[in-house]
Amino acid sequence: MAEPALSSHALPLDSDAAAAMWEAYRAARPEAVLAGGEYTVEHFVDNARLADELLDIVLSGRKRATAELVADFVARGDLVPRIGSHWIACDSSGAPRIIMRTTELRLGPFTSGDAAFAADEGEDDGSLESWQREHRRYWTRVAAARGAEWSEEDEIVFERFRVAWPPEHAD
């Protein structure tokens, strides 16, 4: 088994608990890890309130997509996900809650985000307008935090996923 990649966001991560969750998943679903036994351990966004809010939206079944700047992956030293890759999403305390598996990926600029993707992200009112407004705010903030300026031309990873584990939350 490969070592997990740990996100370098400012919130804590319980890597031991995440490893235990991964082992339970791997034992119960060995076929799901055949394509690659690597995984990342991370949480949504860069602050506790939003991390928990977005995780709750995933747990409700409403959120099945996410978007992140390629530059943010690079700045953290993380690989851009691939189809079939797994990530363990933690809450703001660092406790692992679910394992997600990437089902669809594409790269593009901000303007390539569409209404269907905004709805799949499941945030705010689910509209493209709110997706654009909130992501402009977020990416401006996180780019500034790493000493950069965000542009609508920056490459974005548009990712769809499914919840793979634990069984009570799995799609």
C-alpha atoms as a PDB file:
ATOM      1  CA  MET A   1       0.000   0.000   0.000  1.00  0.00           C
ATOM      2  CA  ALA A   2       1.249   3.449  -0.840  1.00  0.00           C
ATOM      3  CA  GLU A   3       1.619   6.072   1.851  1.00  0.00           C
ATOM      4  CA  PRO A   4      -1.245   8.571   1.898  1.00  0.00           C
ATOM      5  CA  ALA A   5      -0.695  12.115   0.792  1.00  0.00           C
ATOM      6  CA  LEU A   6      -1.597  14.525   3.566  1.00  0.00           C
ATOM      7  CA  SER A   7      -3.043  17.863   2.590  1.00  0.00           C
ATOM      8  CA  SER A   8      -1.202  20.843   4.006  1.00  0.00           C
ATOM      9  CA  HIS A   9      -4.280  22.975   4.674  1.00  0.00           C
ATOM     10  CA  ALA A  10      -4.108  24.696   8.066  1.00  0.00           C
ATOM     11  CA  LEU A  11      -6.703  22.445   9.742  1.00  0.00           C
ATOM     12  CA  PRO A  12      -5.568  19.304  11.614  1.00  0.00           C
ATOM     13  CA  LEU A  13      -5.670  15.807  10.113  1.00  0.00           C
ATOM     14  CA  ASP A  14      -5.777  12.538  12.088  1.00  0.00           C
ATOM     15  CA  SER A  15      -3.643  10.387   9.812  1.00  0.00           C
ATOM     16  CA  ASP A  16      -3.780   7.343  12.128  1.00  0.00           C
ATOM     17  CA  ALA A  17      -7.589   7.329  12.165  1.00  0.00           C
ATOM     18  CA  ALA A  18      -7.603   7.893   8.392  1.00  0.00           C
ATOM     19  CA  ALA A  19      -5.260   4.903   7.908  1.00  0.00           C
ATOM     20  CA  ALA A  20      -7.597   2.758  10.024  1.00  0.00           C
ATOM     21  CA  MET A  21     -10.585   3.887   7.934  1.00  0.00           C
ATOM     22  CA  TRP A  22      -8.670   3.081   4.735  1.00  0.00           C
ATOM     23  CA  GLU A  23      -7.784  -0.398   6.006  1.00  0.00           C
ATOM     24  CA  ALA A  24     -11.441  -1.113   6.831  1.00  0.00           C
ATOM     25  CA  TYR A  25     -12.449   0.025   3.338  1.00  0.00           C
ATOM     26  CA  ARG A  26      -9.652  -1.944   1.674  1.00  0.00           C
ATOM     27  CA  ALA A  27     -10.592  -5.111   3.583  1.00  0.00           C
ATOM     28  CA  ALA A  28     -14.297  -4.764   2.767  1.00  0.00           C
ATOM     29  CA  ARG A  29     -13.865  -3.612  -0.858  1.00  0.00           C
ATOM     30  CA  PRO A  30     -10.546  -4.950  -2.190  1.00  0.00           C
ATOM     31  CA  GLU A  31     -11.783  -4.621  -5.788  1.00  0.00           C
ATOM     32  CA  ALA A  32     -12.179  -0.868  -5.328  1.00  0.00           C
ATOM     33  CA  VAL A  33      -8.492  -0.347  -4.651  1.00  0.00           C
ATOM     34  CA  LEU A  34      -7.140  -2.525  -7.464  1.00  0.00           C
ATOM     35  CA  ALA A  35      -6.663   0.467  -9.747  1.00  0.00           C
ATOM     36  CA  GLY A  36      -4.521   2.168  -7.134  1.00  0.00           C
ATOM     37  CA  GLY A  37      -3.996   1.839  -3.428  1.00  0.00           C
ATOM     38  CA  GLU A  38      -3.058   5.469  -2.866  1.00  0.00           C
ATOM     39  CA  TYR A  39      -5.264   8.032  -1.210  1.00  0.00           C
ATOM     40  CA  THR A  40      -5.116  11.551   0.144  1.00  0.00           C
ATOM     41  CA  VAL A  41      -6.266  12.746   3.536  1.00  0.00           C
ATOM     42  CA  GLU A  42      -7.748  16.221   3.535  1.00  0.00           C
ATOM     43  CA  HIS A  43     -10.757  18.369   4.211  1.00  0.00           C
ATOM     44  CA  PHE A  44     -12.757  20.783   2.176  1.00  0.00           C
ATOM     45  CA  VAL A  45     -11.482  24.377   2.025  1.00  0.00           C
ATOM     46  CA  ASP A  46      -9.287  26.346   4.372  1.00  0.00           C
ATOM     47  CA  ASN A  47     -11.393  27.088   7.449  1.00  0.00           C
ATOM     48  CA  ALA A  48     -13.258  25.072  10.059  1.00  0.00           C
ATOM     49  CA  ARG A  49     -16.761  26.432   9.514  1.00  0.00           C
ATOM     50  CA  LEU A  50     -16.752  25.864   5.760  1.00  0.00           C
ATOM     51  CA  ALA A  51     -14.957  22.511   6.032  1.00  0.00           C
ATOM     52  CA  ASP A  52     -17.739  21.169   8.246  1.00  0.00           C
ATOM     53  CA  GLU A  53     -20.485  22.832   6.214  1.00  0.00           C
ATOM     54  CA  LEU A  54     -19.287  21.307   2.942  1.00  0.00           C
ATOM     55  CA  LEU A  55     -18.764  17.892   4.529  1.00  0.00           C
ATOM     56  CA  ASP A  56     -22.340  18.030   5.852  1.00  0.00           C
ATOM     57  CA  ILE A  57     -23.603  18.782   2.328  1.00  0.00           C
ATOM     58  CA  VAL A  58     -21.735  15.714   1.052  1.00  0.00           C
ATOM     59  CA  LEU A  59     -23.172  13.579   3.864  1.00  0.00           C
ATOM     60  CA  SER A  60     -26.682  14.800   2.980  1.00  0.00           C
ATOM     61  CA  GLY A  61     -26.174  13.527  -0.589  1.00  0.00           C
ATOM     62  CA  ARG A  62     -26.535  16.974  -2.155  1.00  0.00           C
ATOM     63  CA  LYS A  63     -22.840  17.567  -2.985  1.00  0.00           C
ATOM     64  CA  ARG A  64     -21.137  15.265  -5.488  1.00  0.00           C
ATOM     65  CA  ALA A  65     -18.670  17.664  -7.100  1.00  0.00           C
ATOM     66  CA  THR A  66     -15.902  20.025  -6.100  1.00  0.00           C
ATOM     67  CA  ALA A  67     -13.548  22.456  -7.822  1.00  0.00           C
ATOM     68  CA  GLU A  68     -10.041  23.501  -6.884  1.00  0.00           C
ATOM     69  CA  LEU A  69      -7.308  25.562  -8.461  1.00  0.00           C
ATOM     70  CA  VAL A  70      -4.472  23.567 -10.019  1.00  0.00           C
ATOM     71  CA  ALA A  71      -2.110  26.116  -8.445  1.00  0.00           C
ATOM     72  CA  ASP A  72      -3.379  25.161  -4.974  1.00  0.00           C
ATOM     73  CA  PHE A  73      -2.585  21.473  -5.560  1.00  0.00           C
ATOM     74  CA  VAL A  74       0.889  22.476  -6.744  1.00  0.00           C
ATOM     75  CA  ALA A  75       1.465  24.870  -3.831  1.00  0.00           C
ATOM     76  CA  ARG A  76       0.673  22.090  -1.337  1.00  0.00           C
ATOM     77  CA  GLY A  77       2.791  19.553  -3.185  1.00  0.00           C
ATOM     78  CA  ASP A  78      -0.289  17.422  -3.907  1.00  0.00           C
ATOM     79  CA  LEU A  79      -0.935  15.583  -7.129  1.00  0.00           C
ATOM     80  CA  VAL A  80      -3.977  16.531  -9.170  1.00  0.00           C
ATOM     81  CA  PRO A  81      -6.507  13.715  -8.684  1.00  0.00           C
ATOM     82  CA  ARG A  82      -7.130  11.099 -11.333  1.00  0.00           C
ATOM     83  CA  ILE A  83     -10.253   9.139 -12.152  1.00  0.00           C
ATOM     84  CA  GLY A  84     -10.512   6.308  -9.649  1.00  0.00           C
ATOM     85  CA  SER A  85      -8.390   8.001  -6.994  1.00  0.00           C
ATOM     86  CA  HIS A  86      -9.613   8.128  -3.414  1.00  0.00           C
ATOM     87  CA  TRP A  87      -9.560  10.802  -0.781  1.00  0.00           C
ATOM     88  CA  ILE A  88     -10.515  10.678   2.830  1.00  0.00           C
ATOM     89  CA  ALA A  89     -12.445  13.765   3.849  1.00  0.00           C
ATOM     90  CA  CYS A  90     -11.992  14.893   7.439  1.00  0.00           C
ATOM     91  CA  ASP A  91     -14.058  17.254   9.514  1.00  0.00           C
ATOM     92  CA  SER A  92     -12.540  20.410  10.968  1.00  0.00           C
ATOM     93  CA  SER A  93     -11.204  18.508  14.002  1.00  0.00           C
ATOM     94  CA  GLY A  94      -9.246  16.228  11.663  1.00  0.00           C
ATOM     95  CA  ALA A  95     -11.457  13.169  12.190  1.00  0.00           C
ATOM     96  CA  PRO A  96     -11.919  11.147   8.980  1.00  0.00           C
ATOM     97  CA  ARG A  97     -15.581  10.895   8.054  1.00  0.00           C
ATOM     98  CA  ILE A  98     -15.843   9.463   4.536  1.00  0.00           C
ATOM     99  CA  ILE A  99     -13.842   8.065   1.659  1.00  0.00           C
ATOM    100  CA  MET A 100     -14.660   9.568  -1.707  1.00  0.00           C
ATOM    101  CA  ARG A 101     -13.680   8.271  -5.130  1.00  0.00           C
ATOM    102  CA  THR A 102     -13.161  10.488  -8.163  1.00  0.00           C
ATOM    103  CA  THR A 103     -15.494   9.571 -11.033  1.00  0.00           C
ATOM    104  CA  GLU A 104     -14.999  12.464 -13.453  1.00  0.00           C
ATOM    105  CA  LEU A 105     -12.350  15.130 -13.990  1.00  0.00           C
ATOM    106  CA  ARG A 106     -11.710  17.960 -16.322  1.00  0.00           C
ATOM    107  CA  LEU A 107      -9.490  21.025 -16.362  1.00  0.00           C
ATOM    108  CA  GLY A 108     -10.657  24.416 -17.478  1.00  0.00           C
ATOM    109  CA  PRO A 109     -10.903  28.123 -16.705  1.00  0.00           C
ATOM    110  CA  PHE A 110     -13.499  29.655 -14.413  1.00  0.00           C
ATOM    111  CA  THR A 111     -15.811  30.451 -17.324  1.00  0.00           C
ATOM    112  CA  SER A 112     -16.090  26.748 -18.181  1.00  0.00           C
ATOM    113  CA  GLY A 113     -17.994  26.084 -14.954  1.00  0.00           C
ATOM    114  CA  ASP A 114     -21.609  25.486 -15.944  1.00  0.00           C
ATOM    115  CA  ALA A 115     -25.011  25.243 -14.283  1.00  0.00           C
ATOM    116  CA  ALA A 116     -24.922  21.431 -14.130  1.00  0.00           C
ATOM    117  CA  PHE A 117     -21.587  21.491 -12.304  1.00  0.00           C
ATOM    118  CA  ALA A 118     -22.793  24.197  -9.908  1.00  0.00           C
ATOM    119  CA  ALA A 119     -25.860  22.089  -9.108  1.00  0.00           C
ATOM    120  CA  ASP A 120     -23.683  19.008  -8.503  1.00  0.00           C
ATOM    121  CA  GLU A 121     -21.525  21.016  -6.082  1.00  0.00           C
ATOM    122  CA  GLY A 122     -24.730  21.519  -4.108  1.00  0.00           C
ATOM    123  CA  GLU A 123     -23.604  24.665  -2.330  1.00  0.00           C
ATOM    124  CA  ASP A 124     -25.673  27.752  -1.501  1.00  0.00           C
ATOM    125  CA  ASP A 125     -28.755  27.744  -3.755  1.00  0.00           C
ATOM    126  CA  GLY A 126     -27.120  25.489  -6.369  1.00  0.00           C
ATOM    127  CA  SER A 127     -27.224  28.130  -9.087  1.00  0.00           C
ATOM    128  CA  LEU A 128     -24.384  29.016 -11.435  1.00  0.00           C
ATOM    129  CA  GLU A 129     -24.566  32.617 -10.231  1.00  0.00           C
ATOM    130  CA  SER A 130     -23.977  31.697  -6.582  1.00  0.00           C
ATOM    131  CA  TRP A 131     -21.262  29.193  -7.589  1.00  0.00           C
ATOM    132  CA  GLN A 132     -19.442  31.935  -9.480  1.00  0.00           C
ATOM    133  CA  ARG A 133     -19.837  34.512  -6.708  1.00  0.00           C
ATOM    134  CA  GLU A 134     -18.671  32.224  -3.890  1.00  0.00           C
ATOM    135  CA  HIS A 135     -15.803  30.671  -5.849  1.00  0.00           C
ATOM    136  CA  ARG A 136     -14.539  34.095  -6.904  1.00  0.00           C
ATOM    137  CA  ARG A 137     -14.383  35.032  -3.206  1.00  0.00           C
ATOM    138  CA  TYR A 138     -12.779  31.771  -2.175  1.00  0.00           C
ATOM    139  CA  TRP A 139     -10.140  31.609  -4.906  1.00  0.00           C
ATOM    140  CA  THR A 140      -9.238  35.270  -4.468  1.00  0.00           C
ATOM    141  CA  ARG A 141      -8.685  34.585  -0.740  1.00  0.00           C
ATOM    142  CA  VAL A 142      -6.671  31.359  -1.099  1.00  0.00           C
ATOM    143  CA  ALA A 143      -4.526  32.755  -3.906  1.00  0.00           C
ATOM    144  CA  ALA A 144      -3.726  35.810  -1.784  1.00  0.00           C
ATOM    145  CA  ALA A 145      -2.823  33.533   1.139  1.00  0.00           C
ATOM    146  CA  ARG A 146      -0.127  31.911  -1.006  1.00  0.00           C
ATOM    147  CA  GLY A 147       1.055  35.284  -2.298  1.00  0.00           C
ATOM    148  CA  ALA A 148      -0.623  35.127  -5.696  1.00  0.00           C
ATOM    149  CA  GLU A 149      -3.440  36.870  -7.476  1.00  0.00           C
ATOM    150  CA  TRP A 150      -6.315  34.766  -8.776  1.00  0.00           C
ATOM    151  CA  SER A 151      -7.475  35.149 -12.361  1.00  0.00           C
ATOM    152  CA  GLU A 152     -10.516  33.687 -14.078  1.00  0.00           C
ATOM    153  CA  GLU A 153      -8.048  32.232 -16.585  1.00  0.00           C
ATOM    154  CA  ASP A 154      -6.296  30.100 -13.925  1.00  0.00           C
ATOM    155  CA  GLU A 155      -6.699  26.369 -14.476  1.00  0.00           C
ATOM    156  CA  ILE A 156      -9.319  24.704 -12.282  1.00  0.00           C
ATOM    157  CA  VAL A 157      -9.819  21.006 -11.563  1.00  0.00           C
ATOM    158  CA  PHE A 158     -13.533  20.262 -11.912  1.00  0.00           C
ATOM    159  CA  GLU A 159     -14.093  16.966 -10.091  1.00  0.00           C
ATOM    160  CA  ARG A 160     -17.129  14.770  -9.601  1.00  0.00           C
ATOM    161  CA  PHE A 161     -17.017  12.011  -7.012  1.00  0.00           C
ATOM    162  CA  ARG A 162     -19.043   9.399  -5.222  1.00  0.00           C
ATOM    163  CA  VAL A 163     -18.964   8.504  -1.554  1.00  0.00           C
ATOM    164  CA  ALA A 164     -17.430   5.042  -1.280  1.00  0.00           C
ATOM    165  CA  TRP A 165     -17.179   4.475   2.495  1.00  0.00           C
ATOM    166  CA  PRO A 166     -18.471   3.945   5.167  1.00  0.00           C
ATOM    167  CA  PRO A 167     -21.472   1.882   4.040  1.00  0.00           C
ATOM    168  CA  GLU A 168     -24.023   4.104   5.782  1.00  0.00           C
ATOM    169  CA  HIS A 169     -22.928   7.048   3.634  1.00  0.00           C
ATOM    170  CA  ALA A 170     -21.896   5.254   0.441  1.00  0.00           C
ATOM    171  CA  ASP A 171     -23.668   6.022  -2.831  1.00  0.00           C
END
